[in-house]
PDB file of all heavy atoms in Angstrom:
ATOM      1  N   TYR A   1       3.608   2.671   6.960  1.00  0.00           N
ATOM      2  CA  TYR A   1       2.824   1.398   7.098  1.00  0.00           C
ATOM      3  C   TYR A   1       2.271   0.956   5.696  1.00  0.00           C
ATOM      4  O   TYR A   1       2.233  -0.245   5.497  1.00  0.00           O
ATOM      5  CB  TYR A   1       1.638   1.653   8.097  1.00  0.00           C
ATOM      6  CG  TYR A   1       2.073   1.742   9.543  1.00  0.00           C
ATOM      7  CD1 TYR A   1       1.302   2.390  10.461  1.00  0.00           C
ATOM      8  CD2 TYR A   1       3.315   1.127   9.975  1.00  0.00           C
ATOM      9  CE1 TYR A   1       1.739   2.506  11.777  1.00  0.00           C
ATOM     10  CE2 TYR A   1       3.719   1.188  11.249  1.00  0.00           C
ATOM     11  CZ  TYR A   1       2.924   1.863  12.233  1.00  0.00           C
ATOM     12  OH  TYR A   1       3.304   1.966  13.516  1.00  0.00           O
ATOM     13  N   MET A   2       1.775   1.935   4.920  1.00  0.00           N
ATOM     14  CA  MET A   2       1.287   1.518   3.544  1.00  0.00           C
ATOM     15  C   MET A   2       2.411   0.981   2.683  1.00  0.00           C
ATOM     16  O   MET A   2       2.209   0.015   1.931  1.00  0.00           O
ATOM     17  CB  MET A   2       0.601   2.717   2.882  1.00  0.00           C
ATOM     18  CG  MET A   2      -0.638   3.279   3.599  1.00  0.00           C
ATOM     19  SD  MET A   2      -1.969   1.935   3.698  1.00  0.00           S
ATOM     20  CE  MET A   2      -3.047   2.623   4.890  1.00  0.00           C
ATOM     21  N   ASN A   3       3.562   1.475   2.838  1.00  0.00           N
ATOM     22  CA  ASN A   3       4.747   1.010   2.020  1.00  0.00           C
ATOM     23  C   ASN A   3       5.080  -0.413   2.563  1.00  0.00           C
ATOM     24  O   ASN A   3       5.406  -1.250   1.702  1.00  0.00           O
ATOM     25  CB  ASN A   3       5.941   1.908   2.237  1.00  0.00           C
ATOM     26  CG  ASN A   3       6.054   2.960   1.090  1.00  0.00           C
ATOM     27  OD1 ASN A   3       5.793   2.645  -0.036  1.00  0.00           O
ATOM     28  ND2 ASN A   3       6.323   4.175   1.478  1.00  0.00           N
ATOM     29  N   LYS A   4       5.038  -0.643   3.793  1.00  0.00           N
ATOM     30  CA  LYS A   4       5.298  -2.025   4.361  1.00  0.00           C
ATOM     31  C   LYS A   4       4.366  -2.975   3.773  1.00  0.00           C
ATOM     32  O   LYS A   4       4.724  -4.138   3.347  1.00  0.00           O
ATOM     33  CB  LYS A   4       5.274  -2.053   5.867  1.00  0.00           C
ATOM     34  CG  LYS A   4       6.477  -1.425   6.570  1.00  0.00           C
ATOM     35  CD  LYS A   4       6.355  -1.584   8.031  1.00  0.00           C
ATOM     36  CE  LYS A   4       7.620  -0.991   8.742  1.00  0.00           C
ATOM     37  NZ  LYS A   4       7.485  -1.168  10.212  1.00  0.00           N
ATOM     38  N   ILE A   5       3.075  -2.656   3.625  1.00  0.00           N
ATOM     39  CA  ILE A   5       2.080  -3.556   3.124  1.00  0.00           C
ATOM     40  C   ILE A   5       2.289  -3.814   1.626  1.00  0.00           C
ATOM     41  O   ILE A   5       2.333  -4.928   1.146  1.00  0.00           O
ATOM     42  CB  ILE A   5       0.620  -2.968   3.397  1.00  0.00           C
ATOM     43  CG1 ILE A   5       0.333  -3.009   4.824  1.00  0.00           C
ATOM     44  CG2 ILE A   5      -0.402  -3.766   2.581  1.00  0.00           C
ATOM     45  CD1 ILE A   5      -0.845  -2.213   5.208  1.00  0.00           C
ATOM     46  N   LEU A   6       2.547  -2.696   0.917  1.00  0.00           N
ATOM     47  CA  LEU A   6       2.729  -2.825  -0.552  1.00  0.00           C
ATOM     48  C   LEU A   6       3.911  -3.616  -0.896  1.00  0.00           C
ATOM     49  O   LEU A   6       3.931  -4.370  -1.931  1.00  0.00           O
ATOM     50  CB  LEU A   6       2.906  -1.376  -1.171  1.00  0.00           C
ATOM     51  CG  LEU A   6       2.852  -1.346  -2.669  1.00  0.00           C
ATOM     52  CD1 LEU A   6       1.570  -1.872  -3.303  1.00  0.00           C
ATOM     53  CD2 LEU A   6       3.064   0.116  -3.116  1.00  0.00           C
ATOM     54  N   ASN A   7       5.008  -3.554  -0.081  1.00  0.00           N
ATOM     55  CA  ASN A   7       6.270  -4.292  -0.366  1.00  0.00           C
ATOM     56  C   ASN A   7       6.409  -5.615   0.315  1.00  0.00           C
ATOM     57  O   ASN A   7       7.418  -6.324   0.135  1.00  0.00           O
ATOM     58  CB  ASN A   7       7.469  -3.405   0.013  1.00  0.00           C
ATOM     59  CG  ASN A   7       7.470  -2.128  -0.782  1.00  0.00           C
ATOM     60  OD1 ASN A   7       7.255  -2.148  -2.004  1.00  0.00           O
ATOM     61  ND2 ASN A   7       7.783  -0.952  -0.083  1.00  0.00           N
ATOM     62  N   SER A   8       5.350  -5.997   0.985  1.00  0.00           N
ATOM     63  CA  SER A   8       5.457  -7.285   1.726  1.00  0.00           C
ATOM     64  C   SER A   8       5.212  -8.496   0.784  1.00  0.00           C
ATOM     65  O   SER A   8       4.346  -8.418  -0.129  1.00  0.00           O
ATOM     66  CB  SER A   8       4.342  -7.332   2.835  1.00  0.00           C
ATOM     67  OG  SER A   8       4.307  -8.628   3.369  1.00  0.00           O
ATOM     68  N   ASP A   9       5.890  -9.567   1.057  1.00  0.00           N
ATOM     69  CA  ASP A   9       5.677 -10.823   0.356  1.00  0.00           C
ATOM     70  C   ASP A   9       4.698 -11.765   1.024  1.00  0.00           C
ATOM     71  O   ASP A   9       4.393 -12.921   0.597  1.00  0.00           O
ATOM     72  CB  ASP A   9       7.011 -11.576   0.158  1.00  0.00           C
ATOM     73  CG  ASP A   9       7.970 -10.822  -0.727  1.00  0.00           C
ATOM     74  OD1 ASP A   9       7.484 -10.156  -1.644  1.00  0.00           O
ATOM     75  OD2 ASP A   9       9.195 -10.875  -0.423  1.00  0.00           O
ATOM     76  N   SER A  10       4.184 -11.359   2.167  1.00  0.00           N
ATOM     77  CA  SER A  10       3.256 -12.198   2.934  1.00  0.00           C
ATOM     78  C   SER A  10       1.907 -12.371   2.290  1.00  0.00           C
ATOM     79  O   SER A  10       1.398 -11.364   1.764  1.00  0.00           O
ATOM     80  CB  SER A  10       3.043 -11.593   4.309  1.00  0.00           C
ATOM     81  OG  SER A  10       2.061 -12.263   5.051  1.00  0.00           O
ATOM     82  N   PRO A  11       1.430 -13.590   2.222  1.00  0.00           N
ATOM     83  CA  PRO A  11       0.116 -13.824   1.640  1.00  0.00           C
ATOM     84  C   PRO A  11      -0.967 -12.997   2.402  1.00  0.00           C
ATOM     85  O   PRO A  11      -2.035 -12.655   1.802  1.00  0.00           O
ATOM     86  CB  PRO A  11      -0.127 -15.341   1.822  1.00  0.00           C
ATOM     87  CG  PRO A  11       1.225 -15.876   1.978  1.00  0.00           C
ATOM     88  CD  PRO A  11       2.087 -14.870   2.704  1.00  0.00           C
ATOM     89  N   GLU A  12      -0.769 -12.740   3.643  1.00  0.00           N
ATOM     90  CA  GLU A  12      -1.792 -12.038   4.491  1.00  0.00           C
ATOM     91  C   GLU A  12      -1.851 -10.605   4.106  1.00  0.00           C
ATOM     92  O   GLU A  12      -2.842  -9.951   4.527  1.00  0.00           O
ATOM     93  CB  GLU A  12      -1.435 -12.175   5.959  1.00  0.00           C
ATOM     94  CG  GLU A  12      -1.566 -13.622   6.493  1.00  0.00           C
ATOM     95  CD  GLU A  12      -1.220 -13.786   7.916  1.00  0.00           C
ATOM     96  OE1 GLU A  12      -0.967 -12.737   8.598  1.00  0.00           O
ATOM     97  OE2 GLU A  12      -1.209 -14.932   8.453  1.00  0.00           O
ATOM     98  N   ALA A  13      -0.885 -10.114   3.345  1.00  0.00           N
ATOM     99  CA  ALA A  13      -0.937  -8.703   2.890  1.00  0.00           C
ATOM    100  C   ALA A  13      -1.497  -8.503   1.540  1.00  0.00           C
ATOM    101  O   ALA A  13      -1.770  -7.410   1.074  1.00  0.00           O
ATOM    102  CB  ALA A  13       0.486  -8.110   2.997  1.00  0.00           C
ATOM    103  N   LYS A  14      -1.653  -9.622   0.790  1.00  0.00           N
ATOM    104  CA  LYS A  14      -2.013  -9.630  -0.631  1.00  0.00           C
ATOM    105  C   LYS A  14      -3.307  -8.814  -0.882  1.00  0.00           C
ATOM    106  O   LYS A  14      -3.341  -7.991  -1.802  1.00  0.00           O
ATOM    107  CB  LYS A  14      -2.138 -11.019  -1.144  1.00  0.00           C
ATOM    108  CG  LYS A  14      -2.299 -11.092  -2.693  1.00  0.00           C
ATOM    109  CD  LYS A  14      -2.385 -12.543  -3.172  1.00  0.00           C
ATOM    110  CE  LYS A  14      -2.571 -12.550  -4.644  1.00  0.00           C
ATOM    111  NZ  LYS A  14      -2.610 -13.963  -5.097  1.00  0.00           N
ATOM    112  N   HIS A  15      -4.374  -9.029  -0.091  1.00  0.00           N
ATOM    113  CA  HIS A  15      -5.562  -8.451  -0.438  1.00  0.00           C
ATOM    114  C   HIS A  15      -5.613  -6.915  -0.013  1.00  0.00           C
ATOM    115  O   HIS A  15      -6.574  -6.244  -0.359  1.00  0.00           O
ATOM    116  CB  HIS A  15      -6.746  -9.152   0.274  1.00  0.00           C
ATOM    117  CG  HIS A  15      -6.738  -8.952   1.822  1.00  0.00           C
ATOM    118  ND1 HIS A  15      -5.863  -9.545   2.679  1.00  0.00           N
ATOM    119  CD2 HIS A  15      -7.646  -8.220   2.592  1.00  0.00           C
ATOM    120  CE1 HIS A  15      -6.126  -9.159   3.893  1.00  0.00           C
ATOM    121  NE2 HIS A  15      -7.215  -8.408   3.859  1.00  0.00           N
ATOM    122  N   LEU A  16      -4.517  -6.484   0.600  1.00  0.00           N
ATOM    123  CA  LEU A  16      -4.493  -5.045   1.037  1.00  0.00           C
ATOM    124  C   LEU A  16      -3.610  -4.226   0.105  1.00  0.00           C
ATOM    125  O   LEU A  16      -3.667  -2.993   0.215  1.00  0.00           O
ATOM    126  CB  LEU A  16      -3.866  -5.042   2.452  1.00  0.00           C
ATOM    127  CG  LEU A  16      -4.643  -5.718   3.575  1.00  0.00           C
ATOM    128  CD1 LEU A  16      -3.870  -5.757   4.814  1.00  0.00           C
ATOM    129  CD2 LEU A  16      -5.962  -5.008   3.875  1.00  0.00           C
ATOM    130  N   LYS A  17      -2.903  -4.848  -0.873  1.00  0.00           N
ATOM    131  CA  LYS A  17      -1.912  -4.081  -1.669  1.00  0.00           C
ATOM    132  C   LYS A  17      -2.529  -3.060  -2.574  1.00  0.00           C
ATOM    133  O   LYS A  17      -2.004  -1.989  -2.663  1.00  0.00           O
ATOM    134  CB  LYS A  17      -1.122  -5.151  -2.504  1.00  0.00           C
ATOM    135  CG  LYS A  17      -0.106  -5.918  -1.684  1.00  0.00           C
ATOM    136  CD  LYS A  17       0.688  -6.905  -2.549  1.00  0.00           C
ATOM    137  CE  LYS A  17       1.728  -7.617  -1.711  1.00  0.00           C
ATOM    138  NZ  LYS A  17       2.980  -6.805  -1.593  1.00  0.00           N
ATOM    139  N   PHE A  18      -3.678  -3.411  -3.250  1.00  0.00           N
ATOM    140  CA  PHE A  18      -4.231  -2.423  -4.128  1.00  0.00           C
ATOM    141  C   PHE A  18      -4.705  -1.149  -3.348  1.00  0.00           C
ATOM    142  O   PHE A  18      -4.477  -0.015  -3.785  1.00  0.00           O
ATOM    143  CB  PHE A  18      -5.437  -2.962  -4.902  1.00  0.00           C
ATOM    144  CG  PHE A  18      -5.070  -4.038  -5.908  1.00  0.00           C
ATOM    145  CD1 PHE A  18      -5.733  -5.258  -5.920  1.00  0.00           C
ATOM    146  CD2 PHE A  18      -4.144  -3.803  -6.856  1.00  0.00           C
ATOM    147  CE1 PHE A  18      -5.400  -6.287  -6.866  1.00  0.00           C
ATOM    148  CE2 PHE A  18      -3.785  -4.734  -7.830  1.00  0.00           C
ATOM    149  CZ  PHE A  18      -4.421  -5.959  -7.823  1.00  0.00           C
ATOM    150  N   ALA A  19      -5.338  -1.391  -2.170  1.00  0.00           N
ATOM    151  CA  ALA A  19      -5.741  -0.275  -1.351  1.00  0.00           C
ATOM    152  C   ALA A  19      -4.598   0.547  -0.866  1.00  0.00           C
ATOM    153  O   ALA A  19      -4.617   1.764  -0.789  1.00  0.00           O
ATOM    154  CB  ALA A  19      -6.611  -0.801  -0.180  1.00  0.00           C
ATOM    155  N   ALA A  20      -3.502  -0.129  -0.385  1.00  0.00           N
ATOM    156  CA  ALA A  20      -2.319   0.546   0.055  1.00  0.00           C
ATOM    157  C   ALA A  20      -1.713   1.348  -1.084  1.00  0.00           C
ATOM    158  O   ALA A  20      -1.257   2.540  -0.762  1.00  0.00           O
ATOM    159  CB  ALA A  20      -1.282  -0.467   0.567  1.00  0.00           C
ATOM    160  N   ALA A  21      -1.667   0.861  -2.241  1.00  0.00           N
ATOM    161  CA  ALA A  21      -1.153   1.664  -3.411  1.00  0.00           C
ATOM    162  C   ALA A  21      -2.012   2.887  -3.671  1.00  0.00           C
ATOM    163  O   ALA A  21      -1.459   4.008  -3.878  1.00  0.00           O
ATOM    164  CB  ALA A  21      -1.124   0.718  -4.633  1.00  0.00           C
ATOM    165  N   TYR A  22      -3.291   2.717  -3.493  1.00  0.00           N
ATOM    166  CA  TYR A  22      -4.229   3.894  -3.695  1.00  0.00           C
ATOM    167  C   TYR A  22      -3.892   4.993  -2.641  1.00  0.00           C
ATOM    168  O   TYR A  22      -3.711   6.121  -2.959  1.00  0.00           O
ATOM    169  CB  TYR A  22      -5.667   3.459  -3.586  1.00  0.00           C
ATOM    170  CG  TYR A  22      -6.544   4.702  -3.423  1.00  0.00           C
ATOM    171  CD1 TYR A  22      -6.910   5.483  -4.611  1.00  0.00           C
ATOM    172  CD2 TYR A  22      -6.922   5.230  -2.143  1.00  0.00           C
ATOM    173  CE1 TYR A  22      -7.617   6.702  -4.471  1.00  0.00           C
ATOM    174  CE2 TYR A  22      -7.666   6.442  -2.041  1.00  0.00           C
ATOM    175  CZ  TYR A  22      -8.022   7.095  -3.273  1.00  0.00           C
ATOM    176  OH  TYR A  22      -8.712   8.339  -3.137  1.00  0.00           O
ATOM    177  N   ASN A  23      -3.768   4.566  -1.426  1.00  0.00           N
ATOM    178  CA  ASN A  23      -3.474   5.500  -0.314  1.00  0.00           C
ATOM    179  C   ASN A  23      -2.107   6.209  -0.458  1.00  0.00           C
ATOM    180  O   ASN A  23      -1.992   7.399  -0.156  1.00  0.00           O
ATOM    181  CB  ASN A  23      -3.600   4.786   1.012  1.00  0.00           C
ATOM    182  CG  ASN A  23      -4.993   4.379   1.401  1.00  0.00           C
ATOM    183  OD1 ASN A  23      -5.950   4.934   0.930  1.00  0.00           O
ATOM    184  ND2 ASN A  23      -5.116   3.298   2.189  1.00  0.00           N
ATOM    185  N   LEU A  24      -1.181   5.437  -0.946  1.00  0.00           N
ATOM    186  CA  LEU A  24       0.207   6.043  -1.254  1.00  0.00           C
ATOM    187  C   LEU A  24       0.110   7.048  -2.295  1.00  0.00           C
ATOM    188  O   LEU A  24       0.724   8.101  -2.235  1.00  0.00           O
ATOM    189  CB  LEU A  24       1.207   4.956  -1.485  1.00  0.00           C
ATOM    190  CG  LEU A  24       1.700   4.107  -0.346  1.00  0.00           C
ATOM    191  CD1 LEU A  24       2.452   2.925  -0.757  1.00  0.00           C
ATOM    192  CD2 LEU A  24       2.586   5.030   0.604  1.00  0.00           C
ATOM    193  N   GLY A  25      -0.715   6.703  -3.373  1.00  0.00           N
ATOM    194  CA  GLY A  25      -0.949   7.670  -4.441  1.00  0.00           C
ATOM    195  C   GLY A  25      -1.589   8.945  -3.969  1.00  0.00           C
ATOM    196  O   GLY A  25      -1.201  10.081  -4.347  1.00  0.00           O
ATOM    197  N   ARG A  26      -2.507   8.789  -3.033  1.00  0.00           N
ATOM    198  CA  ARG A  26      -3.115   9.986  -2.373  1.00  0.00           C
ATOM    199  C   ARG A  26      -2.060  10.829  -1.661  1.00  0.00           C
ATOM    200  O   ARG A  26      -2.007  12.084  -1.780  1.00  0.00           O
ATOM    201  CB  ARG A  26      -4.203   9.590  -1.404  1.00  0.00           C
ATOM    202  CG  ARG A  26      -4.840  10.709  -0.653  1.00  0.00           C
ATOM    203  CD  ARG A  26      -5.620  10.267   0.567  1.00  0.00           C
ATOM    204  NE  ARG A  26      -6.101  11.373   1.300  1.00  0.00           N
ATOM    205  CZ  ARG A  26      -6.652  11.313   2.529  1.00  0.00           C
ATOM    206  NH1 ARG A  26      -6.690  10.144   3.161  1.00  0.00           N
ATOM    207  NH2 ARG A  26      -6.993  12.416   3.221  1.00  0.00           N
ATOM    208  N   ALA A  27      -1.194  10.144  -0.921  1.00  0.00           N
ATOM    209  CA  ALA A  27      -0.174  10.894  -0.184  1.00  0.00           C
ATOM    210  C   ALA A  27       0.735  11.760  -1.158  1.00  0.00           C
ATOM    211  O   ALA A  27       1.137  12.850  -0.902  1.00  0.00           O
ATOM    212  CB  ALA A  27       0.752   9.892   0.675  1.00  0.00           C
ATOM    213  N   TYR A  28       1.190  11.095  -2.274  1.00  0.00           N
ATOM    214  CA  TYR A  28       2.042  11.813  -3.252  1.00  0.00           C
ATOM    215  C   TYR A  28       1.235  12.910  -3.920  1.00  0.00           C
ATOM    216  O   TYR A  28       1.802  14.016  -4.160  1.00  0.00           O
ATOM    217  CB  TYR A  28       2.578  10.867  -4.254  1.00  0.00           C
ATOM    218  CG  TYR A  28       3.782  10.162  -3.791  1.00  0.00           C
ATOM    219  CD1 TYR A  28       3.716   8.817  -3.399  1.00  0.00           C
ATOM    220  CD2 TYR A  28       5.093  10.763  -3.819  1.00  0.00           C
ATOM    221  CE1 TYR A  28       4.861   8.124  -2.899  1.00  0.00           C
ATOM    222  CE2 TYR A  28       6.148  10.090  -3.398  1.00  0.00           C
ATOM    223  CZ  TYR A  28       6.066   8.719  -2.947  1.00  0.00           C
ATOM    224  OH  TYR A  28       7.262   8.144  -2.487  1.00  0.00           O
ATOM    225  N   TYR A  29      -0.012  12.771  -4.152  1.00  0.00           N
ATOM    226  CA  TYR A  29      -0.831  13.743  -4.795  1.00  0.00           C
ATOM    227  C   TYR A  29      -0.915  14.950  -3.907  1.00  0.00           C
ATOM    228  O   TYR A  29      -0.906  16.094  -4.341  1.00  0.00           O
ATOM    229  CB  TYR A  29      -2.209  13.201  -5.204  1.00  0.00           C
ATOM    230  CG  TYR A  29      -3.085  14.189  -5.844  1.00  0.00           C
ATOM    231  CD1 TYR A  29      -2.922  14.496  -7.269  1.00  0.00           C
ATOM    232  CD2 TYR A  29      -4.036  14.896  -5.170  1.00  0.00           C
ATOM    233  CE1 TYR A  29      -3.750  15.432  -7.882  1.00  0.00           C
ATOM    234  CE2 TYR A  29      -4.818  15.869  -5.794  1.00  0.00           C
ATOM    235  CZ  TYR A  29      -4.696  16.118  -7.137  1.00  0.00           C
ATOM    236  OH  TYR A  29      -5.508  16.990  -7.795  1.00  0.00           O
ATOM    237  N   GLU A  30      -1.179  14.661  -2.555  1.00  0.00           N
ATOM    238  CA  GLU A  30      -1.403  15.753  -1.651  1.00  0.00           C
ATOM    239  C   GLU A  30      -0.079  16.322  -1.133  1.00  0.00           C
ATOM    240  O   GLU A  30      -0.034  17.403  -0.456  1.00  0.00           O
ATOM    241  CB  GLU A  30      -2.282  15.255  -0.485  1.00  0.00           C
ATOM    242  CG  GLU A  30      -3.621  14.901  -0.861  1.00  0.00           C
ATOM    243  CD  GLU A  30      -4.522  14.283   0.241  1.00  0.00           C
ATOM    244  OE1 GLU A  30      -3.956  13.740   1.183  1.00  0.00           O
ATOM    245  OE2 GLU A  30      -5.772  14.291   0.100  1.00  0.00           O
ATOM    246  N   GLY A  31       1.062  15.637  -1.292  1.00  0.00           N
ATOM    247  CA  GLY A  31       2.338  16.042  -0.772  1.00  0.00           C
ATOM    248  C   GLY A  31       2.259  15.993   0.755  1.00  0.00           C
ATOM    249  O   GLY A  31       2.812  16.877   1.417  1.00  0.00           O
TER     250      GLY A  31
END
């Protein structure tokens, strides 16, 4: 779900992208 938000072109996802990138970073850090 976080990847879908980060990769979306929809204007409605724009304000969520930074937070989604943070959460994905957390996932990679924690494995």
